[in-house]
PDB file of N, CA and C in Angstrom:
ATOM      1  N   UNK A   1     293.417  96.561 184.826  1.00  0.00           N
ATOM      2  CA  UNK A   1     293.106  96.039 183.506  1.00  0.00           C
ATOM      3  C   UNK A   1     293.773  94.122 183.437  1.00  0.00           C
ATOM      4  N   UNK A   2     292.347  93.598 182.594  1.00  0.00           N
ATOM      5  CA  UNK A   2     292.662  92.605 182.383  1.00  0.00           C
ATOM      6  C   UNK A   2     293.136  91.812 180.988  1.00  0.00           C
ATOM      7  N   UNK A   3     293.228  90.462 180.763  1.00  0.00           N
ATOM      8  CA  UNK A   3     293.354  90.143 179.083  1.00  0.00           C
ATOM      9  C   UNK A   3     291.885  90.508 178.697  1.00  0.00           C
ATOM     10  N   UNK A   4     291.998  90.858 177.675  1.00  0.00           N
ATOM     11  CA  UNK A   4     291.061  90.573 176.785  1.00  0.00           C
ATOM     12  C   UNK A   4     289.417  91.936 177.331  1.00  0.00           C
ATOM     13  N   UNK A   5     290.110  92.821 177.886  1.00  0.00           N
ATOM     14  CA  UNK A   5     289.368  94.391 178.020  1.00  0.00           C
ATOM     15  C   UNK A   5     288.972  95.254 177.025  1.00  0.00           C
ATOM     16  N   UNK A   6     288.489  95.834 176.754  1.00  0.00           N
ATOM     17  CA  UNK A   6     288.491  96.470 175.474  1.00  0.00           C
ATOM     18  C   UNK A   6     288.572  98.171 175.898  1.00  0.00           C
ATOM     19  N   UNK A   7     288.946  98.906 175.413  1.00  0.00           N
ATOM     20  CA  UNK A   7     289.436 100.432 175.805  1.00  0.00           C
ATOM     21  C   UNK A   7     288.778 101.450 174.885  1.00  0.00           C
ATOM     22  N   UNK A   8     288.367 102.481 175.101  1.00  0.00           N
ATOM     23  CA  UNK A   8     288.763 103.539 173.639  1.00  0.00           C
ATOM     24  C   UNK A   8     289.799 103.717 173.518  1.00  0.00           C
ATOM     25  N   UNK A   9     289.772 104.073 172.224  1.00  0.00           N
ATOM     26  CA  UNK A   9     291.826 104.287 171.236  1.00  0.00           C
ATOM     27  C   UNK A   9     292.122 105.117 171.808  1.00  0.00           C
ATOM     28  N   UNK A  10     293.012 105.233 172.717  1.00  0.00           N
ATOM     29  CA  UNK A  10     293.984 106.462 173.010  1.00  0.00           C
ATOM     30  C   UNK A  10     294.435 107.322 172.376  1.00  0.00           C
ATOM     31  N   UNK A  11     294.451 106.826 170.883  1.00  0.00           N
ATOM     32  CA  UNK A  11     294.901 108.089 170.000  1.00  0.00           C
ATOM     33  C   UNK A  11     294.227 108.537 169.448  1.00  0.00           C
ATOM     34  N   UNK A  12     293.707 109.564 169.439  1.00  0.00           N
ATOM     35  CA  UNK A  12     292.846 110.546 169.138  1.00  0.00           C
ATOM     36  C   UNK A  12     292.894 110.480 167.345  1.00  0.00           C
ATOM     37  N   UNK A  13     293.378 110.078 166.458  1.00  0.00           N
ATOM     38  CA  UNK A  13     293.617 110.610 165.637  1.00  0.00           C
ATOM     39  C   UNK A  13     293.221 108.958 164.884  1.00  0.00           C
ATOM     40  N   UNK A  14     292.999 108.300 165.910  1.00  0.00           N
ATOM     41  CA  UNK A  14     292.922 106.788 164.953  1.00  0.00           C
ATOM     42  C   UNK A  14     291.379 106.180 165.921  1.00  0.00           C
ATOM     43  N   UNK A  15     291.106 106.856 166.292  1.00  0.00           N
ATOM     44  CA  UNK A  15     289.795 106.416 167.144  1.00  0.00           C
ATOM     45  C   UNK A  15     288.760 106.508 166.113  1.00  0.00           C
ATOM     46  N   UNK A  16     288.335 107.934 164.615  1.00  0.00           N
ATOM     47  CA  UNK A  16     287.631 107.704 163.947  1.00  0.00           C
ATOM     48  C   UNK A  16     287.551 106.255 163.111  1.00  0.00           C
ATOM     49  N   UNK A  17     288.368 105.614 162.829  1.00  0.00           N
ATOM     50  CA  UNK A  17     288.314 104.408 162.249  1.00  0.00           C
ATOM     51  C   UNK A  17     288.227 103.066 162.976  1.00  0.00           C
ATOM     52  N   UNK A  18     289.584 103.385 164.387  1.00  0.00           N
ATOM     53  CA  UNK A  18     289.409 102.461 165.372  1.00  0.00           C
ATOM     54  C   UNK A  18     288.998 102.679 166.488  1.00  0.00           C
ATOM     55  N   UNK A  19     287.890 102.607 166.808  1.00  0.00           N
ATOM     56  CA  UNK A  19     287.181 103.125 168.147  1.00  0.00           C
ATOM     57  C   UNK A  19     287.878 102.852 169.572  1.00  0.00           C
ATOM     58  N   UNK A  20     288.183 101.577 169.502  1.00  0.00           N
ATOM     59  CA  UNK A  20     288.371 100.573 170.462  1.00  0.00           C
ATOM     60  C   UNK A  20     289.603 100.059 170.304  1.00  0.00           C
ATOM     61  N   UNK A  21     290.262  99.495 171.697  1.00  0.00           N
ATOM     62  CA  UNK A  21     291.766  99.069 171.251  1.00  0.00           C
ATOM     63  C   UNK A  21     291.116  97.490 172.450  1.00  0.00           C
ATOM     64  N   UNK A  22     291.502  96.626 172.251  1.00  0.00           N
ATOM     65  CA  UNK A  22     291.603  95.170 173.518  1.00  0.00           C
ATOM     66  C   UNK A  22     292.946  95.105 173.712  1.00  0.00           C
ATOM     67  N   UNK A  23     293.002  94.829 174.796  1.00  0.00           N
ATOM     68  CA  UNK A  23     294.278  94.284 175.746  1.00  0.00           C
ATOM     69  C   UNK A  23     294.459  92.981 175.187  1.00  0.00           C
ATOM     70  N   UNK A  24     295.509  92.661 174.640  1.00  0.00           N
ATOM     71  CA  UNK A  24     295.559  91.087 174.598  1.00  0.00           C
ATOM     72  C   UNK A  24     296.785  90.498 175.131  1.00  0.00           C
ATOM     73  N   UNK A  25     297.607  91.504 176.210  1.00  0.00           N
ATOM     74  CA  UNK A  25     298.244  90.834 176.928  1.00  0.00           C
ATOM     75  C   UNK A  25     297.941  89.494 177.594  1.00  0.00           C
ATOM     76  N   UNK A  26     298.768  88.973 178.419  1.00  0.00           N
ATOM     77  CA  UNK A  26     298.140  87.686 179.637  1.00  0.00           C
ATOM     78  C   UNK A  26     298.192  88.250 180.686  1.00  0.00           C
ATOM     79  N   UNK A  27     297.190  88.070 181.450  1.00  0.00           N
ATOM     80  CA  UNK A  27     296.727  88.964 183.097  1.00  0.00           C
ATOM     81  C   UNK A  27     298.424  88.965 183.981  1.00  0.00           C
ATOM     82  N   UNK A  28     299.598  88.418 183.202  1.00  0.00           N
ATOM     83  CA  UNK A  28     300.522  88.169 184.432  1.00  0.00           C
ATOM     84  C   UNK A  28     300.796  89.029 184.354  1.00  0.00           C
ATOM     85  N   UNK A  29     300.806  90.260 182.970  1.00  0.00           N
ATOM     86  CA  UNK A  29     301.455  91.425 183.223  1.00  0.00           C
ATOM     87  C   UNK A  29     300.636  92.300 183.816  1.00  0.00           C
ATOM     88  N   UNK A  30     300.130  92.327 185.070  1.00  0.00           N
ATOM     89  CA  UNK A  30     299.322  93.764 184.953  1.00  0.00           C
ATOM     90  C   UNK A  30     299.762  94.925 184.800  1.00  0.00           C
ATOM     91  N   UNK A  31     300.973  94.304 185.640  1.00  0.00           N
ATOM     92  CA  UNK A  31     301.967  96.033 186.360  1.00  0.00           C
ATOM     93  C   UNK A  31     303.311  96.345 185.122  1.00  0.00           C
ATOM     94  N   UNK A  32     302.898  96.006 183.630  1.00  0.00           N
ATOM     95  CA  UNK A  32     303.720  96.150 182.412  1.00  0.00           C
ATOM     96  C   UNK A  32     303.571  98.006 182.149  1.00  0.00           C
ATOM     97  N   UNK A  33     304.550  98.516 182.059  1.00  0.00           N
ATOM     98  CA  UNK A  33     304.322  99.656 181.635  1.00  0.00           C
ATOM     99  C   UNK A  33     303.533  99.937 180.105  1.00  0.00           C
ATOM    100  N   UNK A  34     303.526  98.701 179.548  1.00  0.00           N
ATOM    101  CA  UNK A  34     302.993  98.891 178.200  1.00  0.00           C
ATOM    102  C   UNK A  34     302.003  97.442 177.657  1.00  0.00           C
ATOM    103  N   UNK A  35     301.120  97.660 177.375  1.00  0.00           N
ATOM    104  CA  UNK A  35     299.951  96.692 176.707  1.00  0.00           C
ATOM    105  C   UNK A  35     300.152  96.272 175.763  1.00  0.00           C
ATOM    106  N   UNK A  36     300.248  95.115 174.902  1.00  0.00           N
ATOM    107  CA  UNK A  36     300.209  94.627 173.835  1.00  0.00           C
ATOM    108  C   UNK A  36     298.394  94.934 173.496  1.00  0.00           C
ATOM    109  N   UNK A  37     298.214  95.732 172.387  1.00  0.00           N
ATOM    110  CA  UNK A  37     296.618  95.749 172.099  1.00  0.00           C
ATOM    111  C   UNK A  37     296.440  95.295 170.431  1.00  0.00           C
ATOM    112  N   UNK A  38     295.301  95.346 170.506  1.00  0.00           N
ATOM    113  CA  UNK A  38     294.889  95.099 169.059  1.00  0.00           C
ATOM    114  C   UNK A  38     293.553  96.215 168.571  1.00  0.00           C
ATOM    115  N   UNK A  39     293.383  96.912 167.747  1.00  0.00           N
ATOM    116  CA  UNK A  39     292.482  98.034 167.349  1.00  0.00           C
ATOM    117  C   UNK A  39     291.226  97.243 166.892  1.00  0.00           C
ATOM    118  N   UNK A  40     290.182  97.461 167.248  1.00  0.00           N
ATOM    119  CA  UNK A  40     288.396  97.292 166.847  1.00  0.00           C
ATOM    120  C   UNK A  40     288.191  98.072 166.240  1.00  0.00           C
ATOM    121  N   UNK A  41     287.541  98.295 164.778  1.00  0.00           N
ATOM    122  CA  UNK A  41     286.999  98.703 163.871  1.00  0.00           C
ATOM    123  C   UNK A  41     285.511  98.363 163.996  1.00  0.00           C
ATOM    124  N   UNK A  42     284.537  98.881 163.947  1.00  0.00           N
ATOM    125  CA  UNK A  42     282.789  98.504 163.298  1.00  0.00           C
ATOM    126  C   UNK A  42     282.789  97.901 162.085  1.00  0.00           C
ATOM    127  N   UNK A  43     282.031  97.191 162.449  1.00  0.00           N
ATOM    128  CA  UNK A  43     281.927  95.953 161.208  1.00  0.00           C
ATOM    129  C   UNK A  43     281.029  96.285 159.906  1.00  0.00           C
ATOM    130  N   UNK A  44     280.116  97.095 160.034  1.00  0.00           N
ATOM    131  CA  UNK A  44     279.742  98.067 159.149  1.00  0.00           C
ATOM    132  C   UNK A  44     280.726  98.827 158.315  1.00  0.00           C
ATOM    133  N   UNK A  45     281.643  99.472 158.715  1.00  0.00           N
ATOM    134  CA  UNK A  45     283.008 100.239 158.089  1.00  0.00           C
ATOM    135  C   UNK A  45     283.578  99.588 157.496  1.00  0.00           C
ATOM    136  N   UNK A  46     284.007  97.963 157.849  1.00  0.00           N
ATOM    137  CA  UNK A  46     284.578  96.996 157.238  1.00  0.00           C
ATOM    138  C   UNK A  46     284.362  95.552 156.603  1.00  0.00           C
ATOM    139  N   UNK A  47     283.196  96.156 155.689  1.00  0.00           N
ATOM    140  CA  UNK A  47     282.770  94.638 155.440  1.00  0.00           C
ATOM    141  C   UNK A  47     283.684  94.286 154.098  1.00  0.00           C
ATOM    142  N   UNK A  48     283.230  92.505 154.290  1.00  0.00           N
ATOM    143  CA  UNK A  48     284.645  92.066 153.650  1.00  0.00           C
ATOM    144  C   UNK A  48     285.596  91.534 154.211  1.00  0.00           C
ATOM    145  N   UNK A  49     286.023  91.772 155.768  1.00  0.00           N
ATOM    146  CA  UNK A  49     287.357  91.753 155.575  1.00  0.00           C
ATOM    147  C   UNK A  49     287.460  90.600 157.001  1.00  0.00           C
ATOM    148  N   UNK A  50     285.910  90.171 157.793  1.00  0.00           N
ATOM    149  CA  UNK A  50     286.419  89.535 158.840  1.00  0.00           C
ATOM    150  C   UNK A  50     286.872  87.827 158.136  1.00  0.00           C
ATOM    151  N   UNK A  51     287.587  87.451 158.905  1.00  0.00           N
ATOM    152  CA  UNK A  51     288.277  86.446 158.546  1.00  0.00           C
ATOM    153  C   UNK A  51     289.528  85.631 159.764  1.00  0.00           C
ATOM    154  N   UNK A  52     290.230  84.815 159.076  1.00  0.00           N
ATOM    155  CA  UNK A  52     290.682  83.952 160.689  1.00  0.00           C
ATOM    156  C   UNK A  52     291.882  85.005 161.508  1.00  0.00           C
ATOM    157  N   UNK A  53     292.257  86.404 160.697  1.00  0.00           N
ATOM    158  CA  UNK A  53     293.167  87.331 161.254  1.00  0.00           C
ATOM    159  C   UNK A  53     292.029  88.566 161.826  1.00  0.00           C
ATOM    160  N   UNK A  54     290.873  87.982 161.836  1.00  0.00           N
ATOM    161  CA  UNK A  54     290.390  89.462 161.842  1.00  0.00           C
ATOM    162  C   UNK A  54     288.767  88.874 162.464  1.00  0.00           C
ATOM    163  N   UNK A  55     289.165  88.426 163.839  1.00  0.00           N
ATOM    164  CA  UNK A  55     287.844  87.887 164.642  1.00  0.00           C
ATOM    165  C   UNK A  55     286.680  89.328 164.325  1.00  0.00           C
ATOM    166  N   UNK A  56     285.472  88.726 164.202  1.00  0.00           N
ATOM    167  CA  UNK A  56     284.113  89.518 164.874  1.00  0.00           C
ATOM    168  C   UNK A  56     283.419  89.578 166.234  1.00  0.00           C
ATOM    169  N   UNK A  57     283.372  90.598 166.796  1.00  0.00           N
ATOM    170  CA  UNK A  57     283.282  90.217 168.293  1.00  0.00           C
ATOM    171  C   UNK A  57     282.129  91.358 168.750  1.00  0.00           C
ATOM    172  N   UNK A  58     281.701  91.533 169.789  1.00  0.00           N
ATOM    173  CA  UNK A  58     280.328  92.228 170.124  1.00  0.00           C
ATOM    174  C   UNK A  58     280.777  92.936 171.115  1.00  0.00           C
ATOM    175  N   UNK A  59     280.502  94.571 171.019  1.00  0.00           N
ATOM    176  CA  UNK A  59     281.256  95.345 171.772  1.00  0.00           C
ATOM    177  C   UNK A  59     279.442  96.086 172.216  1.00  0.00           C
ATOM    178  N   UNK A  60     279.677  96.440 174.030  1.00  0.00           N
ATOM    179  CA  UNK A  60     277.853  97.060 174.020  1.00  0.00           C
ATOM    180  C   UNK A  60     277.055  97.656 172.682  1.00  0.00           C
ATOM    181  N   UNK A  61     276.946  95.823 172.386  1.00  0.00           N
ATOM    182  CA  UNK A  61     275.684  95.839 171.208  1.00  0.00           C
ATOM    183  C   UNK A  61     275.909  96.326 169.732  1.00  0.00           C
ATOM    184  N   UNK A  62     277.091  96.205 169.560  1.00  0.00           N
ATOM    185  CA  UNK A  62     278.115  96.927 168.146  1.00  0.00           C
ATOM    186  C   UNK A  62     278.722  95.687 167.543  1.00  0.00           C
ATOM    187  N   UNK A  63     278.591  95.607 166.690  1.00  0.00           N
ATOM    188  CA  UNK A  63     279.258  94.164 165.576  1.00  0.00           C
ATOM    189  C   UNK A  63     280.639  95.094 165.556  1.00  0.00           C
ATOM    190  N   UNK A  64     282.009  94.419 165.852  1.00  0.00           N
ATOM    191  CA  UNK A  64     283.104  94.924 166.058  1.00  0.00           C
ATOM    192  C   UNK A  64     283.843  93.774 165.296  1.00  0.00           C
ATOM    193  N   UNK A  65     285.434  94.394 164.402  1.00  0.00           N
ATOM    194  CA  UNK A  65     286.280  93.291 163.990  1.00  0.00           C
ATOM    195  C   UNK A  65     287.795  93.908 164.610  1.00  0.00           C
ATOM    196  N   UNK A  66     287.829  92.907 165.462  1.00  0.00           N
ATOM    197  CA  UNK A  66     289.715  92.824 165.857  1.00  0.00           C
ATOM    198  C   UNK A  66     290.439  92.622 164.940  1.00  0.00           C
ATOM    199  N   UNK A  67     291.529  93.658 164.376  1.00  0.00           N
ATOM    200  CA  UNK A  67     292.171  93.339 164.025  1.00  0.00           C
ATOM    201  C   UNK A  67     293.897  93.000 164.342  1.00  0.00           C
ATOM    202  N   UNK A  68     293.641  91.752 164.304  1.00  0.00           N
ATOM    203  CA  UNK A  68     295.260  90.680 164.654  1.00  0.00           C
ATOM    204  C   UNK A  68     296.179  91.527 164.202  1.00  0.00           C
ATOM    205  N   UNK A  69     296.614  91.422 163.137  1.00  0.00           N
ATOM    206  CA  UNK A  69     297.887  91.844 162.094  1.00  0.00           C
ATOM    207  C   UNK A  69     298.241  93.054 162.735  1.00  0.00           C
ATOM    208  N   UNK A  70     297.500  93.772 162.960  1.00  0.00           N
ATOM    209  CA  UNK A  70     297.887  95.403 163.406  1.00  0.00           C
ATOM    210  C   UNK A  70     298.224  96.081 164.765  1.00  0.00           C
ATOM    211  N   UNK A  71     298.965  94.355 165.532  1.00  0.00           N
ATOM    212  CA  UNK A  71     299.073  94.643 167.043  1.00  0.00           C
ATOM    213  C   UNK A  71     300.124  95.213 167.395  1.00  0.00           C
ATOM    214  N   UNK A  72     299.938  96.365 168.527  1.00  0.00           N
ATOM    215  CA  UNK A  72     301.156  97.354 168.813  1.00  0.00           C
ATOM    216  C   UNK A  72     300.926  97.357 170.168  1.00  0.00           C
ATOM    217  N   UNK A  73     302.006  98.348 170.677  1.00  0.00           N
ATOM    218  CA  UNK A  73     302.033  98.370 171.979  1.00  0.00           C
ATOM    219  C   UNK A  73     301.791 100.284 172.188  1.00  0.00           C
ATOM    220  N   UNK A  74     301.112 100.143 173.740  1.00  0.00           N
ATOM    221  CA  UNK A  74     300.310 101.482 174.152  1.00  0.00           C
ATOM    222  C   UNK A  74     300.581 101.186 175.544  1.00  0.00           C
ATOM    223  N   UNK A  75     300.991 102.722 175.931  1.00  0.00           N
ATOM    224  CA  UNK A  75     301.149 102.759 177.199  1.00  0.00           C
ATOM    225  C   UNK A  75     300.077 102.445 177.915  1.00  0.00           C
ATOM    226  N   UNK A  76     300.235 101.544 179.077  1.00  0.00           N
ATOM    227  CA  UNK A  76     298.917 101.128 180.139  1.00  0.00           C
ATOM    228  C   UNK A  76     298.778 102.217 180.976  1.00  0.00           C
ATOM    229  N   UNK A  77     299.190 103.609 180.829  1.00  0.00           N
ATOM    230  CA  UNK A  77     298.562 103.993 181.721  1.00  0.00           C
ATOM    231  C   UNK A  77     297.651 105.072 181.002  1.00  0.00           C
ATOM    232  N   UNK A  78     297.252 104.974 180.039  1.00  0.00           N
ATOM    233  CA  UNK A  78     296.766 105.729 178.705  1.00  0.00           C
ATOM    234  C   UNK A  78     295.534 104.790 178.603  1.00  0.00           C
ATOM    235  N   UNK A  79     295.423 103.078 178.724  1.00  0.00           N
ATOM    236  CA  UNK A  79     294.120 102.698 178.477  1.00  0.00           C
ATOM    237  C   UNK A  79     293.180 102.816 179.311  1.00  0.00           C
ATOM    238  N   UNK A  80     292.378 103.913 179.140  1.00  0.00           N
ATOM    239  CA  UNK A  80     291.292 104.089 179.973  1.00  0.00           C
ATOM    240  C   UNK A  80     290.055 104.841 179.083  1.00  0.00           C
ATOM    241  N   UNK A  81     289.235 104.859 179.296  1.00  0.00           N
ATOM    242  CA  UNK A  81     288.401 104.212 180.356  1.00  0.00           C
ATOM    243  C   UNK A  81     288.218 102.730 179.650  1.00  0.00           C
ATOM    244  N   UNK A  82     288.080 102.007 180.672  1.00  0.00           N
ATOM    245  CA  UNK A  82     287.469 100.634 180.475  1.00  0.00           C
ATOM    246  C   UNK A  82     285.886 100.475 179.683  1.00  0.00           C
ATOM    247  N   UNK A  83     285.727  99.803 178.767  1.00  0.00           N
ATOM    248  CA  UNK A  83     284.319  99.411 177.828  1.00  0.00           C
ATOM    249  C   UNK A  83     283.921  98.290 178.171  1.00  0.00           C
ATOM    250  N   UNK A  84     284.419  97.734 178.199  1.00  0.00           N
ATOM    251  CA  UNK A  84     284.098  96.238 178.740  1.00  0.00           C
ATOM    252  C   UNK A  84     284.831  95.184 178.257  1.00  0.00           C
ATOM    253  N   UNK A  85     284.388  93.948 178.225  1.00  0.00           N
ATOM    254  CA  UNK A  85     285.446  92.498 177.769  1.00  0.00           C
ATOM    255  C   UNK A  85     284.923  91.690 176.781  1.00  0.00           C
ATOM    256  N   UNK A  86     285.643  91.243 175.999  1.00  0.00           N
ATOM    257  CA  UNK A  86     285.010  90.219 175.017  1.00  0.00           C
ATOM    258  C   UNK A  86     286.055  89.309 175.521  1.00  0.00           C
ATOM    259  N   UNK A  87     285.966  88.601 176.729  1.00  0.00           N
ATOM    260  CA  UNK A  87     287.025  87.396 177.024  1.00  0.00           C
ATOM    261  C   UNK A  87     285.838  85.928 176.171  1.00  0.00           C
ATOM    262  N   UNK A  88     284.749  86.301 176.113  1.00  0.00           N
ATOM    263  CA  UNK A  88     283.864  85.408 175.573  1.00  0.00           C
ATOM    264  C   UNK A  88     284.407  85.150 174.355  1.00  0.00           C
ATOM    265  N   UNK A  89     285.131  85.349 173.499  1.00  0.00           N
ATOM    266  CA  UNK A  89     285.546  85.498 172.261  1.00  0.00           C
ATOM    267  C   UNK A  89     287.157  85.269 172.306  1.00  0.00           C
ATOM    268  N   UNK A  90     287.503  84.700 173.679  1.00  0.00           N
ATOM    269  CA  UNK A  90     289.117  84.080 173.812  1.00  0.00           C
ATOM    270  C   UNK A  90     289.425  82.730 172.286  1.00  0.00           C
ATOM    271  N   UNK A  91     288.583  82.064 172.457  1.00  0.00           N
ATOM    272  CA  UNK A  91     289.028  80.881 171.426  1.00  0.00           C
ATOM    273  C   UNK A  91     289.126  81.187 170.353  1.00  0.00           C
ATOM    274  N   UNK A  92     288.416  82.450 169.795  1.00  0.00           N
ATOM    275  CA  UNK A  92     288.612  83.253 168.600  1.00  0.00           C
ATOM    276  C   UNK A  92     289.953  84.115 168.000  1.00  0.00           C
ATOM    277  N   UNK A  93     290.018  84.993 169.444  1.00  0.00           N
ATOM    278  CA  UNK A  93     291.651  85.358 169.257  1.00  0.00           C
ATOM    279  C   UNK A  93     292.830  85.143 169.443  1.00  0.00           C
ATOM    280  N   UNK A  94     292.823  83.924 170.050  1.00  0.00           N
ATOM    281  CA  UNK A  94     293.917  82.951 170.606  1.00  0.00           C
ATOM    282  C   UNK A  94     294.268  82.555 169.290  1.00  0.00           C
ATOM    283  N   UNK A  95     292.954  81.793 168.443  1.00  0.00           N
ATOM    284  CA  UNK A  95     293.351  81.355 167.514  1.00  0.00           C
ATOM    285  C   UNK A  95     293.729  82.254 165.970  1.00  0.00           C
ATOM    286  N   UNK A  96     293.690  83.655 166.201  1.00  0.00           N
ATOM    287  CA  UNK A  96     293.794  84.722 165.444  1.00  0.00           C
ATOM    288  C   UNK A  96     295.407  84.768 165.666  1.00  0.00           C
ATOM    289  N   UNK A  97     295.811  84.683 166.791  1.00  0.00           N
ATOM    290  CA  UNK A  97     296.945  85.377 167.143  1.00  0.00           C
ATOM    291  C   UNK A  97     298.222  83.848 166.550  1.00  0.00           C
ATOM    292  N   UNK A  98     297.734  82.581 167.228  1.00  0.00           N
ATOM    293  CA  UNK A  98     298.136  81.574 166.542  1.00  0.00           C
ATOM    294  C   UNK A  98     298.390  81.669 164.983  1.00  0.00           C
ATOM    295  N   UNK A  99     297.818  81.881 164.276  1.00  0.00           N
ATOM    296  CA  UNK A  99     297.511  81.933 162.347  1.00  0.00           C
ATOM    297  C   UNK A  99     298.341  82.811 162.255  1.00  0.00           C
ATOM    298  N   UNK A 100     298.393  84.201 163.098  1.00  0.00           N
ATOM    299  CA  UNK A 100     299.264  85.314 162.656  1.00  0.00           C
ATOM    300  C   UNK A 100     300.602  84.548 162.739  1.00  0.00           C
ATOM    301  N   UNK A 101     301.143  84.589 163.908  1.00  0.00           N
ATOM    302  CA  UNK A 101     302.576  83.781 164.247  1.00  0.00           C
ATOM    303  C   UNK A 101     303.023  82.731 163.802  1.00  0.00           C
ATOM    304  N   UNK A 102     302.086  81.651 163.667  1.00  0.00           N
ATOM    305  CA  UNK A 102     302.506  80.346 163.034  1.00  0.00           C
ATOM    306  C   UNK A 102     301.528  80.028 162.259  1.00  0.00           C
ATOM    307  N   UNK A 103     300.760  80.250 161.485  1.00  0.00           N
ATOM    308  CA  UNK A 103     300.514  79.680 160.137  1.00  0.00           C
ATOM    309  C   UNK A 103     299.436  78.749 160.540  1.00  0.00           C
ATOM    310  N   UNK A 104     298.692  78.345 162.266  1.00  0.00           N
ATOM    311  CA  UNK A 104     298.311  77.176 162.301  1.00  0.00           C
ATOM    312  C   UNK A 104     296.514  77.498 162.856  1.00  0.00           C
TER     313      UNK A 104
END
């Protein structure tokens, strides 16, 4: 498990609205029992939501919105299968976290 890896949402009841989650924790926490994740939702279902706290990314050719304000902890063992990575959006993701916690 690496930072910014994308997984199928392990919560079946939430999967329809948020099909994926992204691991937000640093790679130094690889052995942690829980991982902090942010949910992703298809951009088309959330028109007008994109902004500082909700970066837009691509997952397997599909535009997704990352909901940084909805960070949550998930058991690491529940994060599977790995769908891909959005590490290419690292700057936008970290800027959203900074904005959420520090207002900058």
